[in-house]
Amino acid sequence: MNLTVKIEQTGAELSSIVSKASGREFVWNADPSVWGSSAPVLFPIVGGLKNGQSSHNGVTFSMPRHGIVRHNTNIHVIEQEHDRITFRLTADERTLEHYPFRFTFDINFRVKDNSVIITHIVKNTDNQDMYFSVGAHPAFNCPINAGESY
């Protein structure tokens, strides 16, 4: 592994990718005066709902922009090895207030050579069709190389 990677448990948010060879940090530092995130995970929506609300089967619910994973403190580590880690969010009473489906959402981060491989696994544990989207919103330091300008 040529990289050191850090992931925050809250929101399963990638917060750092550092080259072991150069010491260079590739991920935005989440400076709140500019943008206070580094790589939020977007589920079950990418973007926002009209007026922050939607309805399903006649029930109206609200959901924050980009969904219910970002800033979520109820995400747990379910597996960890020297080169990978998997986080899980499982539907519960709190998620059902914003998203009317039962699910299991896993996100796996694996470091291989000069890469970080991210895999999302969504399981519908409900007895109805489940509507969702998944997205990533990483921010990188710019410029990357000396002599470049942004």
N, C-alpha and C. Protein backbone atom coordinates (compact mmCIF):
# COMPACT_ATOMS: atom_id res chain seq x y z
N MET A 1 0.84 -1.18 0.00
CA MET A 1 0.00 0.00 0.00
C MET A 1 0.88 1.24 0.00
N ASN A 2 0.58 2.13 -0.92
CA ASN A 2 1.35 3.36 -1.05
C ASN A 2 0.63 4.57 -0.49
N LEU A 3 -0.54 4.34 0.11
CA LEU A 3 -1.36 5.43 0.62
C LEU A 3 -1.74 5.18 2.08
N THR A 4 -1.92 6.28 2.79
CA THR A 4 -2.54 6.24 4.11
C THR A 4 -3.90 6.91 3.96
N VAL A 5 -4.94 6.21 4.41
CA VAL A 5 -6.31 6.69 4.22
C VAL A 5 -7.00 6.80 5.57
N LYS A 6 -7.79 7.86 5.73
CA LYS A 6 -8.60 8.04 6.94
C LYS A 6 -10.05 8.22 6.54
N ILE A 7 -10.94 7.56 7.29
CA ILE A 7 -12.37 7.67 7.07
C ILE A 7 -13.02 7.97 8.41
N GLU A 8 -13.85 8.99 8.43
CA GLU A 8 -14.59 9.34 9.64
C GLU A 8 -15.77 8.37 9.79
N GLN A 9 -16.00 7.89 11.00
CA GLN A 9 -17.14 6.99 11.21
C GLN A 9 -18.45 7.73 11.00
N THR A 10 -18.53 8.98 11.44
CA THR A 10 -19.73 9.77 11.18
C THR A 10 -19.85 9.97 9.67
N GLY A 11 -20.93 9.49 9.12
CA GLY A 11 -21.17 9.62 7.69
C GLY A 11 -20.31 8.74 6.80
N ALA A 12 -19.45 7.90 7.40
CA ALA A 12 -18.52 7.07 6.62
C ALA A 12 -17.81 7.92 5.57
N GLU A 13 -17.34 9.09 6.01
CA GLU A 13 -16.78 10.08 5.09
C GLU A 13 -15.26 9.98 4.98
N LEU A 14 -14.80 9.76 3.77
CA LEU A 14 -13.37 9.76 3.48
C LEU A 14 -12.82 11.14 3.80
N SER A 15 -11.81 11.21 4.67
CA SER A 15 -11.31 12.52 5.09
C SER A 15 -9.85 12.76 4.73
N SER A 16 -9.14 11.71 4.31
CA SER A 16 -7.72 11.92 4.00
C SER A 16 -7.19 10.78 3.13
N ILE A 17 -6.42 11.15 2.13
CA ILE A 17 -5.61 10.21 1.33
C ILE A 17 -4.24 10.85 1.21
N VAL A 18 -3.24 10.23 1.83
CA VAL A 18 -1.89 10.78 1.82
C VAL A 18 -0.95 9.79 1.13
N SER A 19 -0.14 10.31 0.21
CA SER A 19 0.89 9.50 -0.43
C SER A 19 2.01 9.24 0.57
N LYS A 20 2.35 7.97 0.78
CA LYS A 20 3.45 7.65 1.69
C LYS A 20 4.78 8.12 1.11
N ALA A 21 4.91 8.15 -0.20
CA ALA A 21 6.17 8.55 -0.84
C ALA A 21 6.41 10.04 -0.72
N SER A 22 5.39 10.86 -1.00
CA SER A 22 5.59 12.31 -1.04
C SER A 22 5.03 13.04 0.18
N GLY A 23 4.14 12.39 0.92
CA GLY A 23 3.48 13.07 2.02
C GLY A 23 2.36 13.99 1.58
N ARG A 24 2.06 14.00 0.31
CA ARG A 24 1.04 14.89 -0.24
C ARG A 24 -0.36 14.42 0.16
N GLU A 25 -1.17 15.36 0.62
CA GLU A 25 -2.58 15.11 0.96
C GLU A 25 -3.42 15.43 -0.27
N PHE A 26 -4.29 14.50 -0.66
CA PHE A 26 -5.10 14.68 -1.86
C PHE A 26 -6.52 15.16 -1.57
N VAL A 27 -7.02 14.95 -0.35
CA VAL A 27 -8.41 15.25 -0.04
C VAL A 27 -8.52 16.63 0.61
N TRP A 28 -9.57 17.34 0.23
CA TRP A 28 -9.89 18.65 0.79
C TRP A 28 -10.02 18.54 2.31
N ASN A 29 -9.55 19.54 3.04
CA ASN A 29 -9.48 19.50 4.50
C ASN A 29 -10.77 19.85 5.23
N ALA A 30 -11.86 20.01 4.53
CA ALA A 30 -13.19 20.29 5.12
C ALA A 30 -13.19 21.59 5.93
N ASP A 31 -12.49 22.59 5.43
CA ASP A 31 -12.47 23.91 6.07
C ASP A 31 -13.90 24.47 6.04
N PRO A 32 -14.52 24.65 7.21
CA PRO A 32 -15.92 25.09 7.23
C PRO A 32 -16.14 26.50 6.70
N SER A 33 -15.09 27.30 6.60
CA SER A 33 -15.27 28.65 6.05
C SER A 33 -15.46 28.61 4.53
N VAL A 34 -15.10 27.46 3.91
CA VAL A 34 -15.27 27.29 2.46
C VAL A 34 -16.34 26.23 2.19
N TRP A 35 -16.08 25.02 2.64
CA TRP A 35 -17.02 23.90 2.55
C TRP A 35 -16.61 22.89 3.60
N GLY A 36 -17.48 22.57 4.52
CA GLY A 36 -17.15 21.80 5.70
C GLY A 36 -17.18 20.30 5.54
N SER A 37 -17.12 19.80 4.33
CA SER A 37 -17.07 18.36 4.09
C SER A 37 -15.85 18.03 3.24
N SER A 38 -15.52 16.76 3.20
CA SER A 38 -14.41 16.33 2.35
C SER A 38 -14.87 15.35 1.28
N ALA A 39 -15.78 14.45 1.62
CA ALA A 39 -16.27 13.46 0.65
C ALA A 39 -17.54 12.81 1.16
N PRO A 40 -18.64 13.56 1.28
CA PRO A 40 -19.86 12.96 1.82
C PRO A 40 -20.42 11.86 0.92
N VAL A 41 -21.06 10.91 1.58
CA VAL A 41 -21.73 9.79 0.91
C VAL A 41 -23.19 10.19 0.72
N LEU A 42 -23.71 10.02 -0.48
CA LEU A 42 -25.06 10.46 -0.83
C LEU A 42 -25.97 9.24 -1.00
N PHE A 43 -26.93 9.11 -0.10
CA PHE A 43 -27.90 8.01 -0.14
C PHE A 43 -29.08 8.39 0.74
N PRO A 44 -30.26 8.19 0.37
CA PRO A 44 -30.83 7.58 -0.82
C PRO A 44 -31.16 8.58 -1.93
N ILE A 45 -30.69 9.83 -1.76
CA ILE A 45 -30.87 10.80 -2.84
C ILE A 45 -29.55 11.49 -3.11
N VAL A 46 -29.41 11.97 -4.33
CA VAL A 46 -28.29 12.80 -4.73
C VAL A 46 -28.89 14.16 -5.04
N GLY A 47 -28.54 15.14 -4.24
CA GLY A 47 -29.15 16.45 -4.38
C GLY A 47 -30.21 16.65 -3.32
N GLY A 48 -31.23 17.40 -3.65
CA GLY A 48 -32.27 17.69 -2.68
C GLY A 48 -33.65 17.42 -3.25
N LEU A 49 -34.61 17.29 -2.36
CA LEU A 49 -36.00 17.13 -2.75
C LEU A 49 -36.65 18.50 -2.91
N LYS A 50 -37.63 18.60 -3.79
CA LYS A 50 -38.36 19.86 -3.96
C LYS A 50 -38.98 20.23 -2.61
N ASN A 51 -38.68 21.42 -2.13
CA ASN A 51 -39.12 21.91 -0.82
C ASN A 51 -38.68 20.99 0.31
N GLY A 52 -37.66 20.15 0.07
CA GLY A 52 -37.14 19.28 1.10
C GLY A 52 -38.06 18.14 1.49
N GLN A 53 -39.10 17.89 0.67
CA GLN A 53 -40.08 16.88 1.02
C GLN A 53 -40.43 15.99 -0.16
N SER A 54 -40.93 14.80 0.18
CA SER A 54 -41.45 13.86 -0.80
C SER A 54 -42.58 13.09 -0.13
N SER A 55 -43.28 12.29 -0.92
CA SER A 55 -44.32 11.46 -0.33
C SER A 55 -44.27 10.08 -0.94
N HIS A 56 -44.72 9.11 -0.14
CA HIS A 56 -44.77 7.72 -0.58
C HIS A 56 -45.99 7.09 0.08
N ASN A 57 -46.84 6.50 -0.73
CA ASN A 57 -48.08 5.88 -0.24
C ASN A 57 -48.89 6.84 0.63
N GLY A 58 -48.94 8.11 0.20
CA GLY A 58 -49.75 9.10 0.89
C GLY A 58 -49.14 9.70 2.14
N VAL A 59 -47.92 9.32 2.47
CA VAL A 59 -47.24 9.86 3.65
C VAL A 59 -46.13 10.80 3.19
N THR A 60 -46.12 12.02 3.73
CA THR A 60 -45.10 13.01 3.39
C THR A 60 -43.95 12.91 4.39
N PHE A 61 -42.74 12.98 3.86
CA PHE A 61 -41.57 12.95 4.73
C PHE A 61 -40.56 13.97 4.22
N SER A 62 -39.69 14.41 5.12
CA SER A 62 -38.63 15.35 4.74
C SER A 62 -37.30 14.63 4.80
N MET A 63 -36.38 15.10 3.99
CA MET A 63 -35.05 14.49 3.97
C MET A 63 -34.02 15.59 3.72
N PRO A 64 -32.91 15.54 4.46
CA PRO A 64 -31.88 16.54 4.22
C PRO A 64 -31.25 16.38 2.83
N ARG A 65 -30.65 17.46 2.36
CA ARG A 65 -29.95 17.42 1.07
C ARG A 65 -28.95 16.26 1.06
N HIS A 66 -28.92 15.50 0.02
CA HIS A 66 -28.04 14.35 -0.19
C HIS A 66 -28.39 13.14 0.68
N GLY A 67 -29.46 13.19 1.45
CA GLY A 67 -29.92 11.99 2.10
C GLY A 67 -29.56 11.84 3.56
N ILE A 68 -29.49 10.57 4.00
CA ILE A 68 -29.43 10.26 5.43
C ILE A 68 -28.12 9.65 5.89
N VAL A 69 -27.15 9.49 5.02
CA VAL A 69 -25.84 8.97 5.44
C VAL A 69 -24.95 10.11 5.91
N ARG A 70 -24.92 11.17 5.14
CA ARG A 70 -24.09 12.34 5.47
C ARG A 70 -24.39 12.82 6.88
N HIS A 71 -23.37 13.00 7.69
CA HIS A 71 -23.46 13.47 9.08
C HIS A 71 -24.11 12.46 10.03
N ASN A 72 -24.39 11.25 9.58
CA ASN A 72 -25.08 10.27 10.41
C ASN A 72 -24.11 9.64 11.41
N THR A 73 -24.46 9.67 12.69
CA THR A 73 -23.60 9.11 13.74
C THR A 73 -23.98 7.67 14.09
N ASN A 74 -24.97 7.12 13.41
CA ASN A 74 -25.43 5.76 13.71
C ASN A 74 -24.85 4.74 12.73
N ILE A 75 -23.73 5.06 12.13
CA ILE A 75 -23.05 4.15 11.20
C ILE A 75 -22.01 3.37 11.98
N HIS A 76 -21.95 2.06 11.72
CA HIS A 76 -21.06 1.19 12.49
C HIS A 76 -20.06 0.48 11.59
N VAL A 77 -18.88 0.23 12.13
CA VAL A 77 -17.89 -0.58 11.44
C VAL A 77 -18.29 -2.04 11.62
N ILE A 78 -18.40 -2.77 10.50
CA ILE A 78 -18.77 -4.18 10.60
C ILE A 78 -17.61 -5.11 10.23
N GLU A 79 -16.59 -4.55 9.59
CA GLU A 79 -15.42 -5.35 9.22
C GLU A 79 -14.24 -4.41 9.04
N GLN A 80 -13.08 -4.85 9.51
CA GLN A 80 -11.88 -4.04 9.33
C GLN A 80 -10.67 -4.95 9.25
N GLU A 81 -9.85 -4.73 8.23
CA GLU A 81 -8.57 -5.41 8.06
C GLU A 81 -7.54 -4.34 7.76
N HIS A 82 -6.30 -4.73 7.56
CA HIS A 82 -5.24 -3.73 7.37
C HIS A 82 -5.41 -2.88 6.11
N ASP A 83 -6.11 -3.39 5.10
CA ASP A 83 -6.25 -2.67 3.84
C ASP A 83 -7.69 -2.33 3.47
N ARG A 84 -8.64 -2.58 4.39
CA ARG A 84 -10.05 -2.32 4.06
C ARG A 84 -10.87 -2.13 5.33
N ILE A 85 -12.00 -1.45 5.13
CA ILE A 85 -12.95 -1.26 6.23
C ILE A 85 -14.34 -1.15 5.61
N THR A 86 -15.33 -1.71 6.30
CA THR A 86 -16.71 -1.65 5.84
C THR A 86 -17.57 -1.03 6.94
N PHE A 87 -18.36 -0.04 6.55
CA PHE A 87 -19.30 0.63 7.44
C PHE A 87 -20.72 0.22 7.05
N ARG A 88 -21.64 0.25 8.03
CA ARG A 88 -23.04 -0.13 7.75
C ARG A 88 -23.99 0.84 8.43
N LEU A 89 -25.02 1.20 7.66
CA LEU A 89 -26.18 1.89 8.19
C LEU A 89 -27.38 1.00 7.94
N THR A 90 -28.12 0.72 9.00
CA THR A 90 -29.32 -0.12 8.90
C THR A 90 -30.53 0.74 9.23
N ALA A 91 -31.60 0.55 8.48
CA ALA A 91 -32.83 1.30 8.73
C ALA A 91 -33.28 1.10 10.17
N ASP A 92 -33.72 2.19 10.78
CA ASP A 92 -34.28 2.13 12.13
C ASP A 92 -35.32 3.24 12.23
N GLU A 93 -35.83 3.47 13.41
CA GLU A 93 -36.89 4.47 13.58
C GLU A 93 -36.43 5.86 13.14
N ARG A 94 -35.16 6.18 13.34
CA ARG A 94 -34.66 7.50 12.92
C ARG A 94 -34.62 7.63 11.40
N THR A 95 -34.14 6.59 10.70
CA THR A 95 -34.09 6.69 9.23
C THR A 95 -35.49 6.67 8.65
N LEU A 96 -36.39 5.91 9.25
CA LEU A 96 -37.75 5.81 8.73
C LEU A 96 -38.51 7.13 8.82
N GLU A 97 -38.08 8.04 9.68
CA GLU A 97 -38.68 9.37 9.74
C GLU A 97 -38.42 10.16 8.47
N HIS A 98 -37.31 9.85 7.77
CA HIS A 98 -36.90 10.60 6.59
C HIS A 98 -36.99 9.79 5.30
N TYR A 99 -36.99 8.48 5.41
CA TYR A 99 -36.93 7.60 4.23
C TYR A 99 -37.78 6.37 4.56
N PRO A 100 -38.89 6.18 3.89
CA PRO A 100 -39.89 5.20 4.33
C PRO A 100 -39.63 3.75 3.87
N PHE A 101 -38.38 3.34 3.87
CA PHE A 101 -38.02 1.99 3.43
C PHE A 101 -37.04 1.38 4.42
N ARG A 102 -37.12 0.08 4.56
CA ARG A 102 -36.15 -0.67 5.39
C ARG A 102 -35.03 -1.15 4.47
N PHE A 103 -33.80 -1.00 4.93
CA PHE A 103 -32.65 -1.28 4.08
C PHE A 103 -31.43 -1.58 4.94
N THR A 104 -30.40 -2.07 4.29
CA THR A 104 -29.05 -2.11 4.84
C THR A 104 -28.15 -1.46 3.80
N PHE A 105 -27.36 -0.49 4.23
CA PHE A 105 -26.45 0.22 3.34
C PHE A 105 -25.03 -0.01 3.84
N ASP A 106 -24.21 -0.65 3.03
CA ASP A 106 -22.80 -0.89 3.36
C ASP A 106 -21.93 -0.09 2.41
N ILE A 107 -20.85 0.45 2.95
CA ILE A 107 -19.84 1.10 2.11
C ILE A 107 -18.48 0.56 2.53
N ASN A 108 -17.75 0.06 1.54
CA ASN A 108 -16.45 -0.56 1.78
C ASN A 108 -15.37 0.29 1.14
N PHE A 109 -14.31 0.55 1.89
CA PHE A 109 -13.13 1.26 1.40
C PHE A 109 -11.98 0.29 1.40
N ARG A 110 -11.30 0.16 0.27
CA ARG A 110 -10.15 -0.74 0.16
C ARG A 110 -8.99 0.03 -0.47
N VAL A 111 -7.82 -0.09 0.16
CA VAL A 111 -6.62 0.55 -0.38
C VAL A 111 -5.81 -0.51 -1.11
N LYS A 112 -5.49 -0.22 -2.37
CA LYS A 112 -4.69 -1.14 -3.18
C LYS A 112 -3.70 -0.30 -3.99
N ASP A 113 -2.41 -0.48 -3.70
CA ASP A 113 -1.35 0.27 -4.38
C ASP A 113 -1.62 1.77 -4.26
N ASN A 114 -1.86 2.44 -5.39
CA ASN A 114 -2.11 3.88 -5.40
C ASN A 114 -3.59 4.21 -5.58
N SER A 115 -4.45 3.30 -5.17
CA SER A 115 -5.89 3.50 -5.38
C SER A 115 -6.67 3.28 -4.09
N VAL A 116 -7.81 3.95 -4.03
CA VAL A 116 -8.82 3.69 -3.01
C VAL A 116 -10.05 3.22 -3.77
N ILE A 117 -10.46 2.00 -3.50
CA ILE A 117 -11.62 1.40 -4.17
C ILE A 117 -12.79 1.47 -3.21
N ILE A 118 -13.87 2.10 -3.65
CA ILE A 118 -15.04 2.29 -2.80
C ILE A 118 -16.20 1.53 -3.43
N THR A 119 -16.85 0.70 -2.60
CA THR A 119 -17.98 -0.11 -3.06
C THR A 119 -19.19 0.16 -2.17
N HIS A 120 -20.33 0.39 -2.79
CA HIS A 120 -21.59 0.59 -2.07
C HIS A 120 -22.46 -0.64 -2.30
N ILE A 121 -23.06 -1.16 -1.24
CA ILE A 121 -23.99 -2.28 -1.36
C ILE A 121 -25.28 -1.87 -0.65
N VAL A 122 -26.37 -1.85 -1.40
CA VAL A 122 -27.68 -1.50 -0.86
C VAL A 122 -28.56 -2.74 -0.91
N LYS A 123 -29.12 -3.11 0.24
CA LYS A 123 -30.03 -4.25 0.30
C LYS A 123 -31.40 -3.77 0.76
N ASN A 124 -32.39 -4.10 -0.02
CA ASN A 124 -33.77 -3.79 0.33
C ASN A 124 -34.25 -4.88 1.29
N THR A 125 -34.49 -4.52 2.55
CA THR A 125 -34.99 -5.49 3.53
C THR A 125 -36.47 -5.26 3.81
N ASP A 126 -37.11 -4.51 2.94
CA ASP A 126 -38.53 -4.19 3.08
C ASP A 126 -39.34 -5.17 2.23
N ASN A 127 -40.65 -5.07 2.29
CA ASN A 127 -41.53 -5.93 1.48
C ASN A 127 -42.17 -5.14 0.35
N GLN A 128 -41.54 -4.05 -0.07
CA GLN A 128 -42.02 -3.22 -1.17
C GLN A 128 -40.84 -2.76 -2.00
N ASP A 129 -41.13 -2.29 -3.22
CA ASP A 129 -40.06 -1.72 -4.04
C ASP A 129 -39.46 -0.53 -3.31
N MET A 130 -38.14 -0.40 -3.41
CA MET A 130 -37.42 0.67 -2.73
C MET A 130 -36.76 1.56 -3.78
N TYR A 131 -36.99 2.85 -3.68
CA TYR A 131 -36.45 3.79 -4.64
C TYR A 131 -35.27 4.53 -4.00
N PHE A 132 -34.14 4.59 -4.71
CA PHE A 132 -32.97 5.25 -4.15
C PHE A 132 -31.98 5.57 -5.25
N SER A 133 -31.02 6.42 -4.89
CA SER A 133 -29.83 6.64 -5.71
C SER A 133 -28.64 6.71 -4.76
N VAL A 134 -27.46 6.49 -5.30
CA VAL A 134 -26.23 6.52 -4.52
C VAL A 134 -25.25 7.43 -5.24
N GLY A 135 -24.54 8.21 -4.47
CA GLY A 135 -23.54 9.09 -5.09
C GLY A 135 -22.38 9.34 -4.15
N ALA A 136 -21.32 9.86 -4.73
CA ALA A 136 -20.14 10.26 -3.99
C ALA A 136 -19.88 11.73 -4.31
N HIS A 137 -19.33 12.45 -3.35
CA HIS A 137 -19.12 13.89 -3.51
C HIS A 137 -17.73 14.26 -2.99
N PRO A 138 -16.67 13.60 -3.52
CA PRO A 138 -15.33 13.88 -3.00
C PRO A 138 -14.83 15.25 -3.45
N ALA A 139 -14.05 15.86 -2.57
CA ALA A 139 -13.39 17.12 -2.90
C ALA A 139 -11.89 16.91 -2.75
N PHE A 140 -11.14 17.39 -3.71
CA PHE A 140 -9.70 17.17 -3.74
C PHE A 140 -8.96 18.50 -3.64
N ASN A 141 -7.77 18.43 -3.09
CA ASN A 141 -6.92 19.61 -3.02
C ASN A 141 -6.47 20.00 -4.42
N CYS A 142 -6.56 21.27 -4.72
CA CYS A 142 -6.10 21.79 -6.00
C CYS A 142 -5.24 23.00 -5.74
N PRO A 143 -4.15 23.17 -6.40
CA PRO A 143 -3.61 22.24 -7.40
C PRO A 143 -2.94 21.04 -6.74
N ILE A 144 -2.80 19.99 -7.50
CA ILE A 144 -2.16 18.76 -7.00
C ILE A 144 -0.65 18.85 -7.10
N ASN A 145 -0.16 19.32 -8.23
CA ASN A 145 1.29 19.31 -8.47
C ASN A 145 1.89 20.71 -8.36
N ALA A 146 3.14 20.75 -7.95
CA ALA A 146 3.87 22.02 -7.85
C ALA A 146 3.90 22.70 -9.22
N GLY A 147 3.80 24.01 -9.20
CA GLY A 147 3.85 24.78 -10.44
C GLY A 147 2.50 24.92 -11.10
N GLU A 148 1.47 24.26 -10.60
CA GLU A 148 0.13 24.39 -11.16
C GLU A 148 -0.61 25.47 -10.38
N SER A 149 -1.62 26.03 -11.01
CA SER A 149 -2.46 27.00 -10.30
C SER A 149 -3.90 26.61 -10.50
N TYR A 150 -4.70 27.08 -9.58
CA TYR A 150 -6.13 26.79 -9.63
C TYR A 150 -6.88 28.04 -9.99
